[in-house]
Amino acid sequence: RKYFDRITPFSETLAFCLLPDQFHFILRIKNNRALTSMWGPKI
């Protein structure tokens, strides 16, 4: 749930696996236009 809130705004998660002692995500970062639109002031 926290991952969804924090990470999905700037990426698309293609697959994931959480194990008791580790986590794995395969994700695609959004394109420059989307990131600039979202983070322009921060950049």
All heavy atoms as atom14 arrays in JSON, in Angstrom:
{
  "sequence": "RKYFDRITPFSETLAFCLLPDQFHFILRIKNNRALTSMWGPKI",
  "atom14_mask": [
    [1, 1, 1, 1, 1, 1, 1, 1, 1, 1, 1, 0, 0, 0],
    [1, 1, 1, 1, 1, 1, 1, 1, 1, 0, 0, 0, 0, 0],
    [1, 1, 1, 1, 1, 1, 1, 1, 1, 1, 1, 1, 0, 0],
    [1, 1, 1, 1, 1, 1, 1, 1, 1, 1, 1, 0, 0, 0],
    [1, 1, 1, 1, 1, 1, 1, 1, 0, 0, 0, 0, 0, 0],
    [1, 1, 1, 1, 1, 1, 1, 1, 1, 1, 1, 0, 0, 0],
    [1, 1, 1, 1, 1, 1, 1, 1, 0, 0, 0, 0, 0, 0],
    [1, 1, 1, 1, 1, 1, 1, 0, 0, 0, 0, 0, 0, 0],
    [1, 1, 1, 1, 1, 1, 1, 0, 0, 0, 0, 0, 0, 0],
    [1, 1, 1, 1, 1, 1, 1, 1, 1, 1, 1, 0, 0, 0],
    [1, 1, 1, 1, 1, 1, 0, 0, 0, 0, 0, 0, 0, 0],
    [1, 1, 1, 1, 1, 1, 1, 1, 1, 0, 0, 0, 0, 0],
    [1, 1, 1, 1, 1, 1, 1, 0, 0, 0, 0, 0, 0, 0],
    [1, 1, 1, 1, 1, 1, 1, 1, 0, 0, 0, 0, 0, 0],
    [1, 1, 1, 1, 1, 0, 0, 0, 0, 0, 0, 0, 0, 0],
    [1, 1, 1, 1, 1, 1, 1, 1, 1, 1, 1, 0, 0, 0],
    [1, 1, 1, 1, 1, 1, 0, 0, 0, 0, 0, 0, 0, 0],
    [1, 1, 1, 1, 1, 1, 1, 1, 0, 0, 0, 0, 0, 0],
    [1, 1, 1, 1, 1, 1, 1, 1, 0, 0, 0, 0, 0, 0],
    [1, 1, 1, 1, 1, 1, 1, 0, 0, 0, 0, 0, 0, 0],
    [1, 1, 1, 1, 1, 1, 1, 1, 0, 0, 0, 0, 0, 0],
    [1, 1, 1, 1, 1, 1, 1, 1, 1, 0, 0, 0, 0, 0],
    [1, 1, 1, 1, 1, 1, 1, 1, 1, 1, 1, 0, 0, 0],
    [1, 1, 1, 1, 1, 1, 1, 1, 1, 1, 0, 0, 0, 0],
    [1, 1, 1, 1, 1, 1, 1, 1, 1, 1, 1, 0, 0, 0],
    [1, 1, 1, 1, 1, 1, 1, 1, 0, 0, 0, 0, 0, 0],
    [1, 1, 1, 1, 1, 1, 1, 1, 0, 0, 0, 0, 0, 0],
    [1, 1, 1, 1, 1, 1, 1, 1, 1, 1, 1, 0, 0, 0],
    [1, 1, 1, 1, 1, 1, 1, 1, 0, 0, 0, 0, 0, 0],
    [1, 1, 1, 1, 1, 1, 1, 1, 1, 0, 0, 0, 0, 0],
    [1, 1, 1, 1, 1, 1, 1, 1, 0, 0, 0, 0, 0, 0],
    [1, 1, 1, 1, 1, 1, 1, 1, 0, 0, 0, 0, 0, 0],
    [1, 1, 1, 1, 1, 1, 1, 1, 1, 1, 1, 0, 0, 0],
    [1, 1, 1, 1, 1, 0, 0, 0, 0, 0, 0, 0, 0, 0],
    [1, 1, 1, 1, 1, 1, 1, 1, 0, 0, 0, 0, 0, 0],
    [1, 1, 1, 1, 1, 1, 1, 0, 0, 0, 0, 0, 0, 0],
    [1, 1, 1, 1, 1, 1, 0, 0, 0, 0, 0, 0, 0, 0],
    [1, 1, 1, 1, 1, 1, 1, 1, 0, 0, 0, 0, 0, 0],
    [1, 1, 1, 1, 1, 1, 1, 1, 1, 1, 1, 1, 1, 1],
    [1, 1, 1, 1, 0, 0, 0, 0, 0, 0, 0, 0, 0, 0],
    [1, 1, 1, 1, 1, 1, 1, 0, 0, 0, 0, 0, 0, 0],
    [1, 1, 1, 1, 1, 1, 1, 1, 1, 0, 0, 0, 0, 0],
    [1, 1, 1, 1, 1, 1, 1, 1, 0, 0, 0, 0, 0, 0]
  ],
  "atom14_positions": [
    [[0.84, -1.21, 0.0], [0.0, 0.0, 0.0], [0.87, 1.26, 0.0], [0.6, 2.21, -0.74], [-0.93, -0.01, 1.21], [-1.97, 1.1, 1.19], [-3.07, 0.87, 2.22], [-2.58, 1.02, 3.59], [-2.44, 0.02, 4.45], [-2.74, -1.22, 4.08], [-2.02, 0.24, 5.68], [0.0, 0.0, 0.0], [0.0, 0.0, 0.0], [0.0, 0.0, 0.0]],
    [[1.91, 1.26, 0.81], [2.83, 2.4, 0.84], [3.62, 2.52, -0.46], [3.89, 3.63, -0.94], [3.79, 2.27, 2.04], [3.1, 2.39, 3.38], [2.38, 3.72, 3.52], [1.7, 3.87, 4.86], [0.95, 5.16, 4.97], [0.0, 0.0, 0.0], [0.0, 0.0, 0.0], [0.0, 0.0, 0.0], [0.0, 0.0, 0.0], [0.0, 0.0, 0.0]],
    [[3.98, 1.37, -1.04], [4.65, 1.36, -2.34], [3.75, 2.01, -3.39], [4.2, 2.82, -4.2], [4.99, -0.07, -2.73], [5.61, -0.22, -4.1], [6.99, -0.25, -4.27], [4.82, -0.35, -5.24], [7.57, -0.39, -5.52], [5.38, -0.48, -6.5], [6.75, -0.5, -6.63], [7.29, -0.62, -7.89], [0.0, 0.0, 0.0], [0.0, 0.0, 0.0]],
    [[2.5, 1.62, -3.39], [1.54, 2.18, -4.35], [1.47, 3.7, -4.23], [1.5, 4.42, -5.23], [0.17, 1.55, -4.12], [-0.86, 1.97, -5.13], [-1.0, 1.29, -6.33], [-1.7, 3.05, -4.87], [-1.94, 1.69, -7.26], [-2.64, 3.45, -5.8], [-2.77, 2.76, -7.0], [0.0, 0.0, 0.0], [0.0, 0.0, 0.0], [0.0, 0.0, 0.0]],
    [[1.4, 4.19, -3.0], [1.28, 5.63, -2.77], [2.53, 6.39, -3.22], [2.44, 7.47, -3.81], [1.04, 5.91, -1.28], [-0.33, 5.44, -0.81], [-1.21, 5.22, -1.68], [-0.51, 5.26, 0.41], [0.0, 0.0, 0.0], [0.0, 0.0, 0.0], [0.0, 0.0, 0.0], [0.0, 0.0, 0.0], [0.0, 0.0, 0.0], [0.0, 0.0, 0.0]],
    [[3.7, 5.82, -2.95], [4.96, 6.52, -3.2], [5.53, 6.33, -4.6], [6.05, 7.27, -5.21], [6.02, 6.04, -2.19], [5.98, 6.73, -0.86], [6.63, 8.09, -0.94], [6.59, 8.77, 0.34], [7.01, 10.01, 0.52], [7.51, 10.69, -0.5], [6.94, 10.58, 1.69], [0.0, 0.0, 0.0], [0.0, 0.0, 0.0], [0.0, 0.0, 0.0]],
    [[5.46, 5.11, -5.12], [6.22, 4.76, -6.32], [5.4, 4.81, -7.61], [5.92, 5.19, -8.66], [6.87, 3.36, -6.15], [7.65, 3.29, -4.82], [7.78, 3.06, -7.33], [8.71, 4.37, -4.64], [0.0, 0.0, 0.0], [0.0, 0.0, 0.0], [0.0, 0.0, 0.0], [0.0, 0.0, 0.0], [0.0, 0.0, 0.0], [0.0, 0.0, 0.0]],
    [[4.14, 4.44, -7.55], [3.35, 4.4, -8.79], [3.12, 5.77, -9.45], [2.88, 5.81, -10.66], [2.0, 3.71, -8.58], [1.28, 4.36, -7.53], [2.19, 2.24, -8.24], [0.0, 0.0, 0.0], [0.0, 0.0, 0.0], [0.0, 0.0, 0.0], [0.0, 0.0, 0.0], [0.0, 0.0, 0.0], [0.0, 0.0, 0.0], [0.0, 0.0, 0.0]],
    [[3.18, 6.9, -8.72], [3.02, 8.18, -9.42], [4.08, 8.43, -10.5], [3.81, 9.14, -11.47], [3.13, 9.21, -8.29], [2.61, 8.49, -7.09], [3.14, 7.09, -7.25], [0.0, 0.0, 0.0], [0.0, 0.0, 0.0], [0.0, 0.0, 0.0], [0.0, 0.0, 0.0], [0.0, 0.0, 0.0], [0.0, 0.0, 0.0], [0.0, 0.0, 0.0]],
    [[5.28, 7.85, -10.36], [6.33, 8.11, -11.36], [6.76, 6.85, -12.11], [7.72, 6.88, -12.88], [7.56, 8.77, -10.71], [8.26, 7.93, -9.69], [9.18, 6.95, -10.07], [8.01, 8.09, -8.33], [9.84, 6.18, -9.13], [8.67, 7.32, -7.38], [9.58, 6.36, -7.79], [0.0, 0.0, 0.0], [0.0, 0.0, 0.0], [0.0, 0.0, 0.0]],
    [[6.06, 5.74, -11.92], [6.48, 4.51, -12.59], [5.3, 3.56, -12.81], [4.22, 3.74, -12.22], [7.55, 3.79, -11.76], [6.99, 3.28, -10.56], [0.0, 0.0, 0.0], [0.0, 0.0, 0.0], [0.0, 0.0, 0.0], [0.0, 0.0, 0.0], [0.0, 0.0, 0.0], [0.0, 0.0, 0.0], [0.0, 0.0, 0.0], [0.0, 0.0, 0.0]],
    [[5.54, 2.54, -13.62], [4.6, 1.45, -13.8], [5.29, 0.17, -13.36], [6.38, -0.15, -13.83], [4.19, 1.33, -15.27], [3.23, 0.17, -15.52], [2.97, -0.07, -17.0], [3.85, 0.26, -17.81], [1.91, -0.61, -17.32], [0.0, 0.0, 0.0], [0.0, 0.0, 0.0], [0.0, 0.0, 0.0], [0.0, 0.0, 0.0], [0.0, 0.0, 0.0]],
    [[4.66, -0.56, -12.46], [5.23, -1.8, -11.96], [4.77, -2.95, -12.84], [3.57, -3.21, -12.96], [4.82, -2.04, -10.5], [5.27, -0.93, -9.71], [5.44, -3.32, -9.97], [0.0, 0.0, 0.0], [0.0, 0.0, 0.0], [0.0, 0.0, 0.0], [0.0, 0.0, 0.0], [0.0, 0.0, 0.0], [0.0, 0.0, 0.0], [0.0, 0.0, 0.0]],
    [[5.71, -3.64, -13.44], [5.39, -4.74, -14.34], [5.27, -6.07, -13.6], [4.51, -6.95, -14.02], [6.46, -4.84, -15.43], [6.68, -3.57, -16.26], [7.79, -3.78, -17.26], [5.39, -3.15, -16.95], [0.0, 0.0, 0.0], [0.0, 0.0, 0.0], [0.0, 0.0, 0.0], [0.0, 0.0, 0.0], [0.0, 0.0, 0.0], [0.0, 0.0, 0.0]],
    [[6.0, -6.24, -12.52], [5.93, -7.47, -11.73], [6.55, -7.2, -10.36], [7.37, -6.29, -10.21], [6.66, -8.61, -12.42], [0.0, 0.0, 0.0], [0.0, 0.0, 0.0], [0.0, 0.0, 0.0], [0.0, 0.0, 0.0], [0.0, 0.0, 0.0], [0.0, 0.0, 0.0], [0.0, 0.0, 0.0], [0.0, 0.0, 0.0], [0.0, 0.0, 0.0]],
    [[6.15, -8.0, -9.38], [6.75, -7.89, -8.05], [6.69, -9.22, -7.33], [5.87, -10.1, -7.66], [6.06, -6.8, -7.22], [4.64, -7.12, -6.79], [4.4, -7.83, -5.63], [3.57, -6.73, -7.57], [3.1, -8.14, -5.23], [2.27, -7.02, -7.18], [2.03, -7.72, -6.01], [0.0, 0.0, 0.0], [0.0, 0.0, 0.0], [0.0, 0.0, 0.0]],
    [[7.54, -9.37, -6.35], [7.51, -10.54, -5.48], [8.08, -10.14, -4.12], [9.21, -9.64, -4.05], [8.32, -11.69, -6.07], [8.23, -13.21, -5.07], [0.0, 0.0, 0.0], [0.0, 0.0, 0.0], [0.0, 0.0, 0.0], [0.0, 0.0, 0.0], [0.0, 0.0, 0.0], [0.0, 0.0, 0.0], [0.0, 0.0, 0.0], [0.0, 0.0, 0.0]],
    [[7.3, -10.35, -3.09], [7.75, -10.1, -1.73], [7.94, -11.44, -1.03], [7.04, -12.28, -1.04], [6.71, -9.27, -0.95], [6.19, -7.98, -1.59], [5.24, -7.27, -0.64], [7.34, -7.06, -1.98], [0.0, 0.0, 0.0], [0.0, 0.0, 0.0], [0.0, 0.0, 0.0], [0.0, 0.0, 0.0], [0.0, 0.0, 0.0], [0.0, 0.0, 0.0]],
    [[9.1, -11.64, -0.45], [9.41, -12.83, 0.33], [9.66, -12.42, 1.78], [9.84, -11.22, 2.04], [10.65, -13.53, -0.24], [10.52, -14.04, -1.68], [11.87, -14.58, -2.17], [9.45, -15.1, -1.81], [0.0, 0.0, 0.0], [0.0, 0.0, 0.0], [0.0, 0.0, 0.0], [0.0, 0.0, 0.0], [0.0, 0.0, 0.0], [0.0, 0.0, 0.0]],
    [[9.64, -13.34, 2.72], [9.8, -12.94, 4.12], [10.99, -12.05, 4.41], [10.91, -11.16, 5.27], [9.91, -14.29, 4.85], [9.11, -15.23, 4.0], [9.4, -14.79, 2.58], [0.0, 0.0, 0.0], [0.0, 0.0, 0.0], [0.0, 0.0, 0.0], [0.0, 0.0, 0.0], [0.0, 0.0, 0.0], [0.0, 0.0, 0.0], [0.0, 0.0, 0.0]],
    [[12.1, -12.25, 3.7], [13.3, -11.48, 4.0], [13.79, -10.61, 2.84], [14.91, -10.08, 2.9], [14.43, -12.42, 4.44], [14.84, -13.4, 3.34], [14.1, -13.51, 2.32], [15.9, -14.04, 3.48], [0.0, 0.0, 0.0], [0.0, 0.0, 0.0], [0.0, 0.0, 0.0], [0.0, 0.0, 0.0], [0.0, 0.0, 0.0], [0.0, 0.0, 0.0]],
    [[12.98, -10.44, 1.81], [13.42, -9.64, 0.65], [12.24, -9.19, -0.2], [11.13, -9.72, -0.06], [14.4, -10.45, -0.21], [13.83, -11.74, -0.75], [14.88, -12.65, -1.34], [15.12, -12.63, -2.54], [15.5, -13.48, -0.48], [0.0, 0.0, 0.0], [0.0, 0.0, 0.0], [0.0, 0.0, 0.0], [0.0, 0.0, 0.0], [0.0, 0.0, 0.0]],
    [[12.49, -8.2, -1.05], [11.46, -7.77, -2.0], [12.09, -7.53, -3.36], [13.28, -7.24, -3.48], [10.75, -6.5, -1.52], [11.64, -5.3, -1.37], [12.06, -4.56, -2.48], [12.07, -4.87, -0.12], [12.87, -3.45, -2.35], [12.89, -3.76, 0.03], [13.29, -3.05, -1.1], [0.0, 0.0, 0.0], [0.0, 0.0, 0.0], [0.0, 0.0, 0.0]],
    [[11.28, -7.69, -4.4], [11.72, -7.5, -5.78], [10.6, -6.8, -6.56], [9.44, -7.2, -6.47], [12.02, -8.84, -6.46], [13.1, -9.63, -5.78], [14.41, -9.58, -6.21], [13.06, -10.47, -4.71], [15.14, -10.37, -5.43], [14.34, -10.92, -4.52], [0.0, 0.0, 0.0], [0.0, 0.0, 0.0], [0.0, 0.0, 0.0], [0.0, 0.0, 0.0]],
    [[10.97, -5.79, -7.34], [10.03, -5.11, -8.22], [10.68, -4.93, -9.59], [11.87, -4.64, -9.69], [9.67, -3.72, -7.68], [8.87, -3.75, -6.41], [9.5, -3.68, -5.17], [7.49, -3.83, -6.44], [8.78, -3.71, -3.99], [6.75, -3.87, -5.27], [7.39, -3.8, -4.04], [0.0, 0.0, 0.0], [0.0, 0.0, 0.0], [0.0, 0.0, 0.0]],
    [[9.9, -5.12, -10.62], [10.32, -4.75, -11.97], [9.44, -3.59, -12.4], [8.2, -3.72, -12.43], [10.18, -5.92, -12.95], [11.1, -7.07, -12.53], [10.54, -5.47, -14.37], [10.95, -8.32, -13.38], [0.0, 0.0, 0.0], [0.0, 0.0, 0.0], [0.0, 0.0, 0.0], [0.0, 0.0, 0.0], [0.0, 0.0, 0.0], [0.0, 0.0, 0.0]],
    [[10.05, -2.47, -12.67], [9.27, -1.27, -12.96], [9.86, -0.48, -14.11], [11.05, -0.55, -14.38], [9.15, -0.4, -11.71], [10.42, 0.08, -11.02], [10.89, 1.39, -11.62], [10.2, 0.23, -9.52], [0.0, 0.0, 0.0], [0.0, 0.0, 0.0], [0.0, 0.0, 0.0], [0.0, 0.0, 0.0], [0.0, 0.0, 0.0], [0.0, 0.0, 0.0]],
    [[8.99, 0.26, -14.74], [9.4, 1.18, -15.81], [9.16, 2.6, -15.33], [8.05, 2.97, -14.96], [8.58, 0.92, -17.09], [8.95, 1.88, -18.23], [8.07, 1.69, -19.45], [8.34, 0.41, -20.11], [7.5, -0.62, -20.14], [6.32, -0.52, -19.52], [7.81, -1.73, -20.77], [0.0, 0.0, 0.0], [0.0, 0.0, 0.0], [0.0, 0.0, 0.0]],
    [[10.23, 3.4, -15.32], [10.1, 4.82, -14.97], [9.33, 5.53, -16.08], [9.52, 5.24, -17.26], [11.48, 5.48, -14.79], [12.34, 4.68, -13.79], [11.34, 6.93, -14.34], [11.85, 4.67, -12.38], [0.0, 0.0, 0.0], [0.0, 0.0, 0.0], [0.0, 0.0, 0.0], [0.0, 0.0, 0.0], [0.0, 0.0, 0.0], [0.0, 0.0, 0.0]],
    [[8.47, 6.45, -15.72], [7.7, 7.19, -16.72], [8.61, 8.04, -17.6], [9.78, 8.26, -17.28], [6.65, 8.06, -16.04], [5.52, 7.25, -15.41], [4.45, 8.15, -14.81], [3.32, 7.32, -14.23], [2.26, 8.17, -13.63], [0.0, 0.0, 0.0], [0.0, 0.0, 0.0], [0.0, 0.0, 0.0], [0.0, 0.0, 0.0], [0.0, 0.0, 0.0]],
    [[8.09, 8.53, -18.71], [8.9, 9.3, -19.64], [9.19, 10.71, -19.11], [8.59, 11.16, -18.12], [8.26, 9.36, -21.03], [6.89, 10.01, -21.03], [6.66, 10.99, -20.34], [5.97, 9.45, -21.79], [0.0, 0.0, 0.0], [0.0, 0.0, 0.0], [0.0, 0.0, 0.0], [0.0, 0.0, 0.0], [0.0, 0.0, 0.0], [0.0, 0.0, 0.0]],
    [[10.11, 11.4, -19.76], [10.55, 12.72, -19.31], [9.41, 13.73, -19.22], [9.36, 14.54, -18.29], [11.63, 13.26, -20.25], [13.02, 12.83, -19.83], [13.42, 13.01, -18.69], [13.76, 12.22, -20.75], [0.0, 0.0, 0.0], [0.0, 0.0, 0.0], [0.0, 0.0, 0.0], [0.0, 0.0, 0.0], [0.0, 0.0, 0.0], [0.0, 0.0, 0.0]],
    [[8.51, 13.68, -20.18], [7.39, 14.63, -20.17], [6.53, 14.45, -18.93], [6.16, 15.43, -18.27], [6.53, 14.44, -21.42], [5.33, 15.38, -21.48], [4.52, 15.18, -22.76], [5.29, 15.55, -23.93], [4.81, 15.47, -25.17], [3.58, 15.03, -25.38], [5.55, 15.84, -26.19], [0.0, 0.0, 0.0], [0.0, 0.0, 0.0], [0.0, 0.0, 0.0]],
    [[6.23, 13.2, -18.59], [5.4, 12.93, -17.41], [6.13, 13.33, -16.13], [5.52, 13.92, -15.22], [5.04, 11.44, -17.38], [0.0, 0.0, 0.0], [0.0, 0.0, 0.0], [0.0, 0.0, 0.0], [0.0, 0.0, 0.0], [0.0, 0.0, 0.0], [0.0, 0.0, 0.0], [0.0, 0.0, 0.0], [0.0, 0.0, 0.0], [0.0, 0.0, 0.0]],
    [[7.42, 13.02, -16.05], [8.18, 13.35, -14.85], [8.34, 14.86, -14.68], [8.24, 15.39, -13.57], [9.55, 12.68, -14.9], [9.56, 11.15, -14.88], [10.99, 10.63, -14.99], [8.89, 10.61, -13.63], [0.0, 0.0, 0.0], [0.0, 0.0, 0.0], [0.0, 0.0, 0.0], [0.0, 0.0, 0.0], [0.0, 0.0, 0.0], [0.0, 0.0, 0.0]],
    [[8.59, 15.55, -15.79], [8.73, 17.01, -15.73], [7.42, 17.66, -15.34], [7.4, 18.65, -14.59], [9.22, 17.55, -17.09], [10.47, 16.94, -17.41], [9.41, 19.06, -17.02], [0.0, 0.0, 0.0], [0.0, 0.0, 0.0], [0.0, 0.0, 0.0], [0.0, 0.0, 0.0], [0.0, 0.0, 0.0], [0.0, 0.0, 0.0], [0.0, 0.0, 0.0]],
    [[6.32, 17.13, -15.86], [5.0, 17.66, -15.51], [4.72, 17.48, -14.03], [4.15, 18.36, -13.37], [3.93, 16.96, -16.35], [2.64, 17.36, -15.95], [0.0, 0.0, 0.0], [0.0, 0.0, 0.0], [0.0, 0.0, 0.0], [0.0, 0.0, 0.0], [0.0, 0.0, 0.0], [0.0, 0.0, 0.0], [0.0, 0.0, 0.0], [0.0, 0.0, 0.0]],
    [[5.12, 16.35, -13.48], [4.85, 16.03, -12.08], [5.82, 16.73, -11.13], [5.44, 17.2, -10.06], [4.93, 14.51, -11.89], [4.71, 14.04, -10.48], [4.69, 12.23, -10.35], [6.35, 11.84, -10.93], [0.0, 0.0, 0.0], [0.0, 0.0, 0.0], [0.0, 0.0, 0.0], [0.0, 0.0, 0.0], [0.0, 0.0, 0.0], [0.0, 0.0, 0.0]],
    [[7.11, 16.77, -11.52], [8.16, 17.24, -10.61], [8.79, 18.56, -11.04], [9.84, 18.94, -10.5], [9.26, 16.19, -10.51], [8.93, 15.04, -9.61], [8.07, 15.03, -8.57], [9.5, 13.72, -9.68], [8.06, 13.8, -7.97], [8.91, 12.98, -8.62], [10.44, 13.11, -10.51], [9.25, 11.64, -8.39], [10.76, 11.78, -10.27], [10.18, 11.06, -9.23]],
    [[8.21, 19.27, -11.99], [8.82, 20.49, -12.51], [9.35, 21.44, -11.45], [10.54, 21.79, -11.46], [0.0, 0.0, 0.0], [0.0, 0.0, 0.0], [0.0, 0.0, 0.0], [0.0, 0.0, 0.0], [0.0, 0.0, 0.0], [0.0, 0.0, 0.0], [0.0, 0.0, 0.0], [0.0, 0.0, 0.0], [0.0, 0.0, 0.0], [0.0, 0.0, 0.0]],
    [[8.53, 21.87, -10.49], [9.0, 22.78, -9.43], [10.13, 22.19, -8.6], [11.08, 22.89, -8.24], [7.75, 23.01, -8.59], [6.61, 22.77, -9.52], [7.08, 21.63, -10.4], [0.0, 0.0, 0.0], [0.0, 0.0, 0.0], [0.0, 0.0, 0.0], [0.0, 0.0, 0.0], [0.0, 0.0, 0.0], [0.0, 0.0, 0.0], [0.0, 0.0, 0.0]],
    [[10.05, 20.89, -8.3], [11.09, 20.24, -7.5], [12.41, 20.19, -8.27], [13.49, 20.38, -7.7], [10.66, 18.83, -7.11], [9.57, 18.76, -6.07], [9.31, 17.32, -5.66], [8.25, 17.26, -4.56], [7.98, 15.86, -4.15], [0.0, 0.0, 0.0], [0.0, 0.0, 0.0], [0.0, 0.0, 0.0], [0.0, 0.0, 0.0], [0.0, 0.0, 0.0]],
    [[12.33, 19.93, -9.58], [13.53, 19.86, -10.41], [14.21, 21.22, -10.44], [15.44, 21.32, -10.3], [13.18, 19.39, -11.84], [12.75, 17.91, -11.81], [14.36, 19.56, -12.78], [12.21, 17.4, -13.14], [0.0, 0.0, 0.0], [0.0, 0.0, 0.0], [0.0, 0.0, 0.0], [0.0, 0.0, 0.0], [0.0, 0.0, 0.0], [0.0, 0.0, 0.0]]
  ]
}
